[in-house]
Amino acid sequence: MMNFFFTYQSLFDHILVNALLAMSQYVVLRAGVFSLGSAGFAALGAYCTAILITAAGWPPAAAIAAGTALGTAASALLALPLARLRGVFQAVATLAFVQIVLSATQNWESLTHGALGINGIPHVANTPTLLAVVALVVVLLVSMGRFSLGRALDVIREDETVAVSLGISVPHYQRFAFILSGALAGLSGGLHATSSYAITPSDYGFGLLVAALAMVVLGGRTTVWGALVGAVVLVSLPELFRVFADYRNVVQGILLMVVIVYLPRGVADTLIATMRDRRLRRAAARAPVQSAAPPDPGPAPHPGLAPTRAGVRP
């Protein structure tokens, strides 16, 4: 067992980092925001963390916190104009933001070293650390879903008109979800930088953007477990199909098409809904069937008295 763990330890770390990125994408989709900016926030968090560690000599924990804060601040600024947009316009705006971040990391060579990236980053985000962070984020998101905040986000995702009629401030909740998404993506980038020794602009390009969205679509976008399942499947898939290295993207595309057609809720969400329906059917089958009670005949007559006519005493 230990040999298996050490052999695939880097794969486990990669799954955990991508799980954070998938949860960042899950948060905005749950609020009905079609954002593609998670890759850009992850790039900001990663480069901020790497620069502070290698150039400024910051402690890794403080650098990761700063990268998370930068992702949060950037998402808070972007949330202001994004609140005025809807649908595909939100996707285009966040895609433009990702392109701006990538251009900065490629061309600001004095700070980011351009296309060569930043090397020599100390490996401090080990597997237990990543596992603890992912578990903490999962607990946070699950707890959030059990309160009015999570229910408001669910209503907004299903129908904004109904949410407004219920007195829910749609822009307020969507801004909150977008800022939380930026924080999680910045944290994911900081942990990726401190677990991979080196980062380059290509690590946060169009491929990562598509992967973050595909993880949520594959796993399911109504529960946090969907993001986790999607990260496990899509990150492990290249390792499972290593023999077909030239066709990995083809296999991933086919898998996504099959899931979208036959499991539109996603793998995890469909499984959770099926189990919930099964429990409800079993509970209904075990419940006793209550038959209608017979009418009350009234008090029985005294055995020593004969029946009498109405209104006549014996």
C-alpha atoms as a PDB file:
ATOM      1  CA  MET A   1       0.000   0.000   0.000  1.00  0.00           C
ATOM      2  CA  MET A   2       2.782   2.443   0.885  1.00  0.00           C
ATOM      3  CA  ASN A   3       4.624   1.626  -2.334  1.00  0.00           C
ATOM      4  CA  PHE A   4       1.461   2.419  -4.306  1.00  0.00           C
ATOM      5  CA  PHE A   5       1.096   5.734  -2.474  1.00  0.00           C
ATOM      6  CA  PHE A   6       4.687   6.806  -3.055  1.00  0.00           C
ATOM      7  CA  THR A   7       4.481   5.788  -6.717  1.00  0.00           C
ATOM      8  CA  TYR A   8       1.422   7.940  -7.365  1.00  0.00           C
ATOM      9  CA  GLN A   9       2.006  10.649  -4.767  1.00  0.00           C
ATOM     10  CA  SER A  10       2.492  13.365  -7.391  1.00  0.00           C
ATOM     11  CA  LEU A  11      -0.771  12.270  -9.032  1.00  0.00           C
ATOM     12  CA  PHE A  12      -2.609  12.539  -5.698  1.00  0.00           C
ATOM     13  CA  ASP A  13      -1.195  16.038  -5.173  1.00  0.00           C
ATOM     14  CA  HIS A  14      -2.273  17.051  -8.671  1.00  0.00           C
ATOM     15  CA  ILE A  15      -5.787  15.736  -8.004  1.00  0.00           C
ATOM     16  CA  LEU A  16      -6.077  17.714  -4.770  1.00  0.00           C
ATOM     17  CA  VAL A  17      -4.882  20.961  -6.372  1.00  0.00           C
ATOM     18  CA  ASN A  18      -7.292  20.533  -9.272  1.00  0.00           C
ATOM     19  CA  ALA A  19     -10.098  19.700  -6.838  1.00  0.00           C
ATOM     20  CA  LEU A  20      -9.685  23.184  -5.337  1.00  0.00           C
ATOM     21  CA  LEU A  21      -9.829  24.704  -8.814  1.00  0.00           C
ATOM     22  CA  ALA A  22     -12.942  22.667  -9.634  1.00  0.00           C
ATOM     23  CA  MET A  23     -14.624  23.832  -6.426  1.00  0.00           C
ATOM     24  CA  SER A  24     -13.809  27.396  -7.425  1.00  0.00           C
ATOM     25  CA  GLN A  25     -15.635  26.836 -10.703  1.00  0.00           C
ATOM     26  CA  TYR A  26     -18.478  25.056  -8.892  1.00  0.00           C
ATOM     27  CA  VAL A  27     -19.157  28.051  -6.622  1.00  0.00           C
ATOM     28  CA  VAL A  28     -19.839  30.484  -9.471  1.00  0.00           C
ATOM     29  CA  LEU A  29     -21.899  28.008 -11.465  1.00  0.00           C
ATOM     30  CA  ARG A  30     -24.022  27.330  -8.394  1.00  0.00           C
ATOM     31  CA  ALA A  31     -24.826  31.035  -8.259  1.00  0.00           C
ATOM     32  CA  GLY A  32     -25.819  31.101 -11.916  1.00  0.00           C
ATOM     33  CA  VAL A  33     -22.705  33.026 -13.020  1.00  0.00           C
ATOM     34  CA  PHE A  34     -21.140  31.766 -16.248  1.00  0.00           C
ATOM     35  CA  SER A  35     -17.546  32.588 -15.328  1.00  0.00           C
ATOM     36  CA  LEU A  36     -14.384  31.209 -16.916  1.00  0.00           C
ATOM     37  CA  GLY A  37     -11.991  33.229 -14.775  1.00  0.00           C
ATOM     38  CA  SER A  38     -10.786  30.528 -12.374  1.00  0.00           C
ATOM     39  CA  ALA A  39      -7.641  29.899 -14.443  1.00  0.00           C
ATOM     40  CA  GLY A  40      -6.741  33.613 -14.329  1.00  0.00           C
ATOM     41  CA  PHE A  41      -7.192  33.835 -10.557  1.00  0.00           C
ATOM     42  CA  ALA A  42      -5.104  30.666 -10.149  1.00  0.00           C
ATOM     43  CA  ALA A  43      -2.333  32.245 -12.249  1.00  0.00           C
ATOM     44  CA  LEU A  44      -2.351  35.360 -10.054  1.00  0.00           C
ATOM     45  CA  GLY A  45      -2.175  33.262  -6.897  1.00  0.00           C
ATOM     46  CA  ALA A  46       0.603  31.053  -8.265  1.00  0.00           C
ATOM     47  CA  TYR A  47       2.823  33.859  -9.557  1.00  0.00           C
ATOM     48  CA  CYS A  48       2.306  35.999  -6.470  1.00  0.00           C
ATOM     49  CA  THR A  49       3.280  33.073  -4.240  1.00  0.00           C
ATOM     50  CA  ALA A  50       6.293  32.094  -6.357  1.00  0.00           C
ATOM     51  CA  ILE A  51       7.644  35.647  -6.661  1.00  0.00           C
ATOM     52  CA  LEU A  52       7.308  36.380  -2.952  1.00  0.00           C
ATOM     53  CA  ILE A  53       9.102  33.143  -2.029  1.00  0.00           C
ATOM     54  CA  THR A  54      11.929  33.200  -4.583  1.00  0.00           C
ATOM     55  CA  ALA A  55      12.538  36.948  -4.958  1.00  0.00           C
ATOM     56  CA  ALA A  56      11.372  38.495  -1.691  1.00  0.00           C
ATOM     57  CA  GLY A  57      12.224  35.619   0.653  1.00  0.00           C
ATOM     58  CA  TRP A  58       8.774  35.418   2.227  1.00  0.00           C
ATOM     59  CA  PRO A  59       7.801  32.351   4.284  1.00  0.00           C
ATOM     60  CA  PRO A  60       5.751  29.947   2.128  1.00  0.00           C
ATOM     61  CA  ALA A  61       2.640  30.183   4.321  1.00  0.00           C
ATOM     62  CA  ALA A  62       2.615  33.986   4.143  1.00  0.00           C
ATOM     63  CA  ALA A  63       3.234  33.889   0.388  1.00  0.00           C
ATOM     64  CA  ILE A  64       0.327  31.479  -0.163  1.00  0.00           C
ATOM     65  CA  ALA A  65      -1.902  33.728   1.951  1.00  0.00           C
ATOM     66  CA  ALA A  66      -0.841  36.712  -0.160  1.00  0.00           C
ATOM     67  CA  GLY A  67      -1.578  34.813  -3.371  1.00  0.00           C
ATOM     68  CA  THR A  68      -5.016  33.932  -2.045  1.00  0.00           C
ATOM     69  CA  ALA A  69      -5.607  37.556  -1.092  1.00  0.00           C
ATOM     70  CA  LEU A  70      -4.567  38.720  -4.574  1.00  0.00           C
ATOM     71  CA  GLY A  71      -7.017  36.312  -6.191  1.00  0.00           C
ATOM     72  CA  THR A  72      -9.736  37.551  -3.839  1.00  0.00           C
ATOM     73  CA  ALA A  73      -9.002  41.218  -4.564  1.00  0.00           C
ATOM     74  CA  ALA A  74      -8.933  40.669  -8.327  1.00  0.00           C
ATOM     75  CA  SER A  75     -12.259  38.828  -8.241  1.00  0.00           C
ATOM     76  CA  ALA A  76     -13.793  41.567  -6.085  1.00  0.00           C
ATOM     77  CA  LEU A  77     -12.776  44.210  -8.644  1.00  0.00           C
ATOM     78  CA  LEU A  78     -13.964  42.122 -11.584  1.00  0.00           C
ATOM     79  CA  ALA A  79     -17.275  41.379  -9.853  1.00  0.00           C
ATOM     80  CA  LEU A  80     -18.381  45.011 -10.131  1.00  0.00           C
ATOM     81  CA  PRO A  81     -18.660  45.190 -13.945  1.00  0.00           C
ATOM     82  CA  LEU A  82     -19.529  41.505 -14.179  1.00  0.00           C
ATOM     83  CA  ALA A  83     -22.740  42.089 -12.201  1.00  0.00           C
ATOM     84  CA  ARG A  84     -24.092  44.078 -15.161  1.00  0.00           C
ATOM     85  CA  LEU A  85     -23.609  41.188 -17.602  1.00  0.00           C
ATOM     86  CA  ARG A  86     -25.490  37.943 -18.137  1.00  0.00           C
ATOM     87  CA  GLY A  87     -24.910  34.607 -19.828  1.00  0.00           C
ATOM     88  CA  VAL A  88     -22.380  34.448 -22.633  1.00  0.00           C
ATOM     89  CA  PHE A  89     -21.273  38.040 -21.990  1.00  0.00           C
ATOM     90  CA  GLN A  90     -20.026  36.969 -18.552  1.00  0.00           C
ATOM     91  CA  ALA A  91     -18.067  34.154 -20.162  1.00  0.00           C
ATOM     92  CA  VAL A  92     -16.475  36.504 -22.718  1.00  0.00           C
ATOM     93  CA  ALA A  93     -15.562  39.066 -20.051  1.00  0.00           C
ATOM     94  CA  THR A  94     -13.894  36.511 -17.777  1.00  0.00           C
ATOM     95  CA  LEU A  95     -12.158  34.912 -20.773  1.00  0.00           C
ATOM     96  CA  ALA A  96     -10.716  38.333 -21.626  1.00  0.00           C
ATOM     97  CA  PHE A  97      -9.500  38.625 -18.025  1.00  0.00           C
ATOM     98  CA  VAL A  98      -7.679  35.285 -18.317  1.00  0.00           C
ATOM     99  CA  GLN A  99      -6.053  36.454 -21.540  1.00  0.00           C
ATOM    100  CA  ILE A 100      -4.879  39.675 -19.872  1.00  0.00           C
ATOM    101  CA  VAL A 101      -3.304  37.733 -17.010  1.00  0.00           C
ATOM    102  CA  LEU A 102      -1.566  35.332 -19.400  1.00  0.00           C
ATOM    103  CA  SER A 103      -0.212  38.224 -21.465  1.00  0.00           C
ATOM    104  CA  ALA A 104       1.173  39.831 -18.315  1.00  0.00           C
ATOM    105  CA  THR A 105       2.898  36.628 -17.187  1.00  0.00           C
ATOM    106  CA  GLN A 106       4.429  36.128 -20.635  1.00  0.00           C
ATOM    107  CA  ASN A 107       5.589  39.682 -21.322  1.00  0.00           C
ATOM    108  CA  TRP A 108       6.547  41.044 -17.882  1.00  0.00           C
ATOM    109  CA  GLU A 109       9.889  39.268 -18.016  1.00  0.00           C
ATOM    110  CA  SER A 110      11.576  41.324 -15.316  1.00  0.00           C
ATOM    111  CA  LEU A 111       9.079  39.980 -12.792  1.00  0.00           C
ATOM    112  CA  THR A 112       7.739  36.686 -14.161  1.00  0.00           C
ATOM    113  CA  HIS A 113      10.726  35.581 -16.328  1.00  0.00           C
ATOM    114  CA  GLY A 114       8.440  35.397 -19.331  1.00  0.00           C
ATOM    115  CA  ALA A 115       7.807  32.081 -21.052  1.00  0.00           C
ATOM    116  CA  LEU A 116      10.540  30.383 -19.011  1.00  0.00           C
ATOM    117  CA  GLY A 117       8.498  30.779 -15.858  1.00  0.00           C
ATOM    118  CA  ILE A 118       9.771  30.680 -12.294  1.00  0.00           C
ATOM    119  CA  ASN A 119      11.940  27.784 -11.098  1.00  0.00           C
ATOM    120  CA  GLY A 120      13.374  26.721  -7.767  1.00  0.00           C
ATOM    121  CA  ILE A 121      10.165  27.064  -5.780  1.00  0.00           C
ATOM    122  CA  PRO A 122      10.483  25.073  -2.523  1.00  0.00           C
ATOM    123  CA  HIS A 123       8.181  22.079  -2.231  1.00  0.00           C
ATOM    124  CA  VAL A 124       6.285  22.812   0.976  1.00  0.00           C
ATOM    125  CA  ALA A 125       2.712  21.881   0.020  1.00  0.00           C
ATOM    126  CA  ASN A 126       2.920  18.137   0.619  1.00  0.00           C
ATOM    127  CA  THR A 127       0.098  15.612   0.420  1.00  0.00           C
ATOM    128  CA  PRO A 128      -1.116  15.934   4.055  1.00  0.00           C
ATOM    129  CA  THR A 129      -1.215  19.727   3.731  1.00  0.00           C
ATOM    130  CA  LEU A 130      -3.162  19.592   0.481  1.00  0.00           C
ATOM    131  CA  LEU A 131      -5.534  16.996   1.900  1.00  0.00           C
ATOM    132  CA  ALA A 132      -6.202  19.109   4.990  1.00  0.00           C
ATOM    133  CA  VAL A 133      -6.886  22.232   2.903  1.00  0.00           C
ATOM    134  CA  VAL A 134      -9.254  20.380   0.544  1.00  0.00           C
ATOM    135  CA  ALA A 135     -11.109  18.814   3.488  1.00  0.00           C
ATOM    136  CA  LEU A 136     -11.486  22.227   5.142  1.00  0.00           C
ATOM    137  CA  VAL A 137     -12.857  23.774   1.934  1.00  0.00           C
ATOM    138  CA  VAL A 138     -15.290  20.873   1.466  1.00  0.00           C
ATOM    139  CA  VAL A 139     -16.596  21.314   5.023  1.00  0.00           C
ATOM    140  CA  LEU A 140     -16.970  25.057   4.413  1.00  0.00           C
ATOM    141  CA  LEU A 141     -18.934  24.617   1.176  1.00  0.00           C
ATOM    142  CA  VAL A 142     -21.132  21.830   2.555  1.00  0.00           C
ATOM    143  CA  SER A 143     -21.918  23.907   5.649  1.00  0.00           C
ATOM    144  CA  MET A 144     -22.675  26.922   3.476  1.00  0.00           C
ATOM    145  CA  GLY A 145     -25.201  24.869   1.508  1.00  0.00           C
ATOM    146  CA  ARG A 146     -27.179  24.027   4.648  1.00  0.00           C
ATOM    147  CA  PHE A 147     -27.939  27.644   5.511  1.00  0.00           C
ATOM    148  CA  SER A 148     -29.935  30.388   3.834  1.00  0.00           C
ATOM    149  CA  LEU A 149     -26.897  31.400   1.768  1.00  0.00           C
ATOM    150  CA  GLY A 150     -26.761  28.069  -0.027  1.00  0.00           C
ATOM    151  CA  ARG A 151     -30.529  27.964  -0.545  1.00  0.00           C
ATOM    152  CA  ALA A 152     -30.442  31.479  -2.015  1.00  0.00           C
ATOM    153  CA  LEU A 153     -27.713  30.466  -4.461  1.00  0.00           C
ATOM    154  CA  ASP A 154     -29.742  27.427  -5.508  1.00  0.00           C
ATOM    155  CA  VAL A 155     -32.814  29.548  -6.184  1.00  0.00           C
ATOM    156  CA  ILE A 156     -30.770  32.044  -8.209  1.00  0.00           C
ATOM    157  CA  ARG A 157     -29.276  29.230 -10.279  1.00  0.00           C
ATOM    158  CA  GLU A 158     -32.676  27.768 -11.082  1.00  0.00           C
ATOM    159  CA  ASP A 159     -34.556  30.996 -11.843  1.00  0.00           C
ATOM    160  CA  GLU A 160     -33.445  34.563 -11.149  1.00  0.00           C
ATOM    161  CA  THR A 161     -37.005  35.858 -11.593  1.00  0.00           C
ATOM    162  CA  VAL A 162     -38.262  33.641  -8.782  1.00  0.00           C
ATOM    163  CA  ALA A 163     -35.308  34.715  -6.626  1.00  0.00           C
ATOM    164  CA  VAL A 164     -36.182  38.389  -7.110  1.00  0.00           C
ATOM    165  CA  SER A 165     -39.837  37.698  -6.288  1.00  0.00           C
ATOM    166  CA  LEU A 166     -38.701  36.104  -3.009  1.00  0.00           C
ATOM    167  CA  GLY A 167     -36.746  39.201  -2.061  1.00  0.00           C
ATOM    168  CA  ILE A 168     -33.294  37.739  -2.797  1.00  0.00           C
ATOM    169  CA  SER A 169     -30.687  40.271  -3.944  1.00  0.00           C
ATOM    170  CA  VAL A 170     -29.303  38.485  -7.004  1.00  0.00           C
ATOM    171  CA  PRO A 171     -26.315  40.829  -7.634  1.00  0.00           C
ATOM    172  CA  HIS A 172     -25.291  40.665  -3.969  1.00  0.00           C
ATOM    173  CA  TYR A 173     -25.196  36.852  -3.837  1.00  0.00           C
ATOM    174  CA  GLN A 174     -23.560  36.536  -7.237  1.00  0.00           C
ATOM    175  CA  ARG A 175     -20.804  38.961  -6.247  1.00  0.00           C
ATOM    176  CA  PHE A 176     -20.212  36.965  -3.074  1.00  0.00           C
ATOM    177  CA  ALA A 177     -19.969  33.716  -5.069  1.00  0.00           C
ATOM    178  CA  PHE A 178     -17.587  35.283  -7.568  1.00  0.00           C
ATOM    179  CA  ILE A 179     -15.302  36.634  -4.835  1.00  0.00           C
ATOM    180  CA  LEU A 180     -15.293  33.264  -3.053  1.00  0.00           C
ATOM    181  CA  SER A 181     -14.447  31.607  -6.359  1.00  0.00           C
ATOM    182  CA  GLY A 182     -11.485  33.950  -6.832  1.00  0.00           C
ATOM    183  CA  ALA A 183     -10.240  33.197  -3.320  1.00  0.00           C
ATOM    184  CA  LEU A 184     -10.387  29.432  -3.886  1.00  0.00           C
ATOM    185  CA  ALA A 185      -8.697  29.730  -7.283  1.00  0.00           C
ATOM    186  CA  GLY A 186      -5.944  31.934  -5.840  1.00  0.00           C
ATOM    187  CA  LEU A 187      -5.407  29.382  -3.069  1.00  0.00           C
ATOM    188  CA  SER A 188      -5.268  26.617  -5.668  1.00  0.00           C
ATOM    189  CA  GLY A 189      -2.620  28.521  -7.637  1.00  0.00           C
ATOM    190  CA  GLY A 190      -0.515  29.170  -4.555  1.00  0.00           C
ATOM    191  CA  LEU A 191      -0.606  25.508  -3.554  1.00  0.00           C
ATOM    192  CA  HIS A 192       0.189  24.455  -7.115  1.00  0.00           C
ATOM    193  CA  ALA A 193       3.271  26.687  -7.148  1.00  0.00           C
ATOM    194  CA  THR A 194       4.545  25.269  -3.852  1.00  0.00           C
ATOM    195  CA  SER A 195       3.934  21.651  -4.853  1.00  0.00           C
ATOM    196  CA  SER A 196       5.394  21.577  -8.376  1.00  0.00           C
ATOM    197  CA  TYR A 197       8.815  23.307  -8.006  1.00  0.00           C
ATOM    198  CA  ALA A 198       8.240  25.432 -11.143  1.00  0.00           C
ATOM    199  CA  ILE A 199       5.460  27.278 -12.954  1.00  0.00           C
ATOM    200  CA  THR A 200       5.102  28.642 -16.496  1.00  0.00           C
ATOM    201  CA  PRO A 201       2.397  30.740 -18.197  1.00  0.00           C
ATOM    202  CA  SER A 202       1.273  27.701 -20.222  1.00  0.00           C
ATOM    203  CA  ASP A 203       0.202  26.002 -16.984  1.00  0.00           C
ATOM    204  CA  TYR A 204      -2.688  28.474 -16.686  1.00  0.00           C
ATOM    205  CA  GLY A 205      -3.771  28.786 -20.285  1.00  0.00           C
ATOM    206  CA  PHE A 206      -6.794  27.670 -22.229  1.00  0.00           C
ATOM    207  CA  GLY A 207      -6.255  24.026 -21.283  1.00  0.00           C
ATOM    208  CA  LEU A 208      -6.655  24.718 -17.560  1.00  0.00           C
ATOM    209  CA  LEU A 209      -9.699  26.873 -18.240  1.00  0.00           C
ATOM    210  CA  VAL A 210     -11.417  24.056 -20.132  1.00  0.00           C
ATOM    211  CA  ALA A 211     -10.335  21.486 -17.558  1.00  0.00           C
ATOM    212  CA  ALA A 212     -11.874  23.455 -14.661  1.00  0.00           C
ATOM    213  CA  LEU A 213     -15.192  23.713 -16.485  1.00  0.00           C
ATOM    214  CA  ALA A 214     -15.086  20.088 -17.642  1.00  0.00           C
ATOM    215  CA  MET A 215     -14.513  18.793 -14.099  1.00  0.00           C
ATOM    216  CA  VAL A 216     -17.716  20.430 -12.865  1.00  0.00           C
ATOM    217  CA  VAL A 217     -19.729  19.345 -15.910  1.00  0.00           C
ATOM    218  CA  LEU A 218     -18.495  15.778 -15.596  1.00  0.00           C
ATOM    219  CA  GLY A 219     -19.003  15.449 -11.854  1.00  0.00           C
ATOM    220  CA  GLY A 220     -22.058  17.664 -11.398  1.00  0.00           C
ATOM    221  CA  ARG A 221     -22.625  21.321 -10.580  1.00  0.00           C
ATOM    222  CA  THR A 222     -25.257  21.142  -7.833  1.00  0.00           C
ATOM    223  CA  THR A 223     -23.123  19.527  -5.104  1.00  0.00           C
ATOM    224  CA  VAL A 224     -19.527  19.955  -4.024  1.00  0.00           C
ATOM    225  CA  TRP A 225     -19.003  16.200  -4.495  1.00  0.00           C
ATOM    226  CA  GLY A 226     -19.432  16.687  -8.225  1.00  0.00           C
ATOM    227  CA  ALA A 227     -16.347  18.905  -8.360  1.00  0.00           C
ATOM    228  CA  LEU A 228     -14.335  16.323  -6.420  1.00  0.00           C
ATOM    229  CA  VAL A 229     -15.423  13.413  -8.615  1.00  0.00           C
ATOM    230  CA  GLY A 230     -14.753  15.405 -11.776  1.00  0.00           C
ATOM    231  CA  ALA A 231     -11.235  16.272 -10.597  1.00  0.00           C
ATOM    232  CA  VAL A 232     -10.457  12.657  -9.740  1.00  0.00           C
ATOM    233  CA  VAL A 233     -11.722  11.334 -13.064  1.00  0.00           C
ATOM    234  CA  LEU A 234     -10.187  13.904 -15.405  1.00  0.00           C
ATOM    235  CA  VAL A 235      -6.810  14.068 -13.644  1.00  0.00           C
ATOM    236  CA  SER A 236      -6.526  10.272 -13.371  1.00  0.00           C
ATOM    237  CA  LEU A 237      -7.670   9.647 -16.931  1.00  0.00           C
ATOM    238  CA  PRO A 238      -4.324  10.468 -18.615  1.00  0.00           C
ATOM    239  CA  GLU A 239      -2.588   8.080 -16.228  1.00  0.00           C
ATOM    240  CA  LEU A 240      -5.082   5.301 -16.946  1.00  0.00           C
ATOM    241  CA  PHE A 241      -4.803   5.798 -20.710  1.00  0.00           C
ATOM    242  CA  ARG A 242      -1.055   6.298 -20.811  1.00  0.00           C
ATOM    243  CA  VAL A 243      -0.798   3.657 -23.549  1.00  0.00           C
ATOM    244  CA  PHE A 244      -2.977   5.863 -25.759  1.00  0.00           C
ATOM    245  CA  ALA A 245      -0.984   9.005 -25.049  1.00  0.00           C
ATOM    246  CA  ASP A 246      -1.685  10.473 -28.480  1.00  0.00           C
ATOM    247  CA  TYR A 247      -5.440  10.124 -27.997  1.00  0.00           C
ATOM    248  CA  ARG A 248      -5.925  11.393 -24.442  1.00  0.00           C
ATOM    249  CA  ASN A 249      -7.789  14.503 -25.512  1.00  0.00           C
ATOM    250  CA  VAL A 250      -9.982  12.427 -27.818  1.00  0.00           C
ATOM    251  CA  VAL A 251     -10.878  10.066 -24.969  1.00  0.00           C
ATOM    252  CA  GLN A 252     -11.653  12.981 -22.654  1.00  0.00           C
ATOM    253  CA  GLY A 253     -13.871  14.588 -25.293  1.00  0.00           C
ATOM    254  CA  ILE A 254     -15.782  11.368 -25.899  1.00  0.00           C
ATOM    255  CA  LEU A 255     -16.232  10.849 -22.165  1.00  0.00           C
ATOM    256  CA  LEU A 256     -17.635  14.359 -21.734  1.00  0.00           C
ATOM    257  CA  MET A 257     -20.027  13.903 -24.644  1.00  0.00           C
ATOM    258  CA  VAL A 258     -21.316  10.621 -23.194  1.00  0.00           C
ATOM    259  CA  VAL A 259     -21.825  12.184 -19.759  1.00  0.00           C
ATOM    260  CA  ILE A 260     -23.598  15.251 -21.180  1.00  0.00           C
ATOM    261  CA  VAL A 261     -25.978  13.114 -23.254  1.00  0.00           C
ATOM    262  CA  TYR A 262     -26.747  10.290 -20.819  1.00  0.00           C
ATOM    263  CA  LEU A 263     -25.966  11.880 -17.434  1.00  0.00           C
ATOM    264  CA  PRO A 264     -26.802  15.579 -17.835  1.00  0.00           C
ATOM    265  CA  ARG A 265     -26.651  16.122 -14.055  1.00  0.00           C
ATOM    266  CA  GLY A 266     -23.125  14.743 -13.895  1.00  0.00           C
ATOM    267  CA  VAL A 267     -21.802  11.492 -12.476  1.00  0.00           C
ATOM    268  CA  ALA A 268     -21.856  12.389  -8.779  1.00  0.00           C
ATOM    269  CA  ASP A 269     -25.109  14.356  -8.817  1.00  0.00           C
ATOM    270  CA  THR A 270     -26.913  11.575 -10.699  1.00  0.00           C
ATOM    271  CA  LEU A 271     -25.662   8.979  -8.224  1.00  0.00           C
ATOM    272  CA  ILE A 272     -26.683  11.118  -5.238  1.00  0.00           C
ATOM    273  CA  ALA A 273     -30.162  11.739  -6.698  1.00  0.00           C
ATOM    274  CA  THR A 274     -30.614   8.022  -7.423  1.00  0.00           C
ATOM    275  CA  MET A 275     -29.652   7.045  -3.880  1.00  0.00           C
ATOM    276  CA  ARG A 276     -31.946   9.698  -2.402  1.00  0.00           C
ATOM    277  CA  ASP A 277     -34.904   8.505  -4.504  1.00  0.00           C
ATOM    278  CA  ARG A 278     -34.213   4.915  -3.487  1.00  0.00           C
ATOM    279  CA  ARG A 279     -34.213   5.831   0.207  1.00  0.00           C
ATOM    280  CA  LEU A 280     -37.488   7.685  -0.200  1.00  0.00           C
ATOM    281  CA  ARG A 281     -39.111   4.701  -1.924  1.00  0.00           C
ATOM    282  CA  ARG A 282     -37.912   2.353   0.813  1.00  0.00           C
ATOM    283  CA  ALA A 283     -39.205   4.670   3.517  1.00  0.00           C
ATOM    284  CA  ALA A 284     -42.568   4.899   1.778  1.00  0.00           C
ATOM    285  CA  ALA A 285     -42.763   1.109   1.449  1.00  0.00           C
ATOM    286  CA  ARG A 286     -41.975   0.577   5.143  1.00  0.00           C
ATOM    287  CA  ALA A 287     -44.508   3.143   6.364  1.00  0.00           C
ATOM    288  CA  PRO A 288     -47.718   1.457   7.714  1.00  0.00           C
ATOM    289  CA  VAL A 289     -50.829   1.978   5.637  1.00  0.00           C
ATOM    290  CA  GLN A 290     -53.424   3.779   7.790  1.00  0.00           C
ATOM    291  CA  SER A 291     -56.956   2.591   6.980  1.00  0.00           C
ATOM    292  CA  ALA A 292     -60.037   4.728   7.630  1.00  0.00           C
ATOM    293  CA  ALA A 293     -61.396   4.281  11.189  1.00  0.00           C
ATOM    294  CA  PRO A 294     -64.962   2.858  11.454  1.00  0.00           C
ATOM    295  CA  PRO A 295     -67.672   5.280  12.654  1.00  0.00           C
ATOM    296  CA  ASP A 296     -68.181   5.491  16.382  1.00  0.00           C
ATOM    297  CA  PRO A 297     -71.428   3.591  17.267  1.00  0.00           C
ATOM    298  CA  GLY A 298     -71.780   5.527  20.504  1.00  0.00           C
ATOM    299  CA  PRO A 299     -72.110   4.114  24.025  1.00  0.00           C
ATOM    300  CA  ALA A 300     -73.391   0.531  24.319  1.00  0.00           C
ATOM    301  CA  PRO A 301     -76.858   0.133  25.946  1.00  0.00           C
ATOM    302  CA  HIS A 302     -77.110  -1.218  29.492  1.00  0.00           C
ATOM    303  CA  PRO A 303     -77.614  -4.993  29.412  1.00  0.00           C
ATOM    304  CA  GLY A 304     -80.651  -4.731  31.725  1.00  0.00           C
ATOM    305  CA  LEU A 305     -82.547  -2.262  29.576  1.00  0.00           C
ATOM    306  CA  ALA A 306     -84.463  -3.021  26.424  1.00  0.00           C
ATOM    307  CA  PRO A 307     -84.138  -0.756  23.411  1.00  0.00           C
ATOM    308  CA  THR A 308     -86.496   2.151  23.446  1.00  0.00           C
ATOM    309  CA  ARG A 309     -87.932   4.489  20.930  1.00  0.00           C
ATOM    310  CA  ALA A 310     -86.332   7.917  20.567  1.00  0.00           C
ATOM    311  CA  GLY A 311     -87.574  10.376  23.146  1.00  0.00           C
ATOM    312  CA  VAL A 312     -89.309   7.735  25.355  1.00  0.00           C
ATOM    313  CA  ARG A 313     -87.664   6.784  28.622  1.00  0.00           C
ATOM    314  CA  PRO A 314     -87.903   3.170  29.784  1.00  0.00           C
END
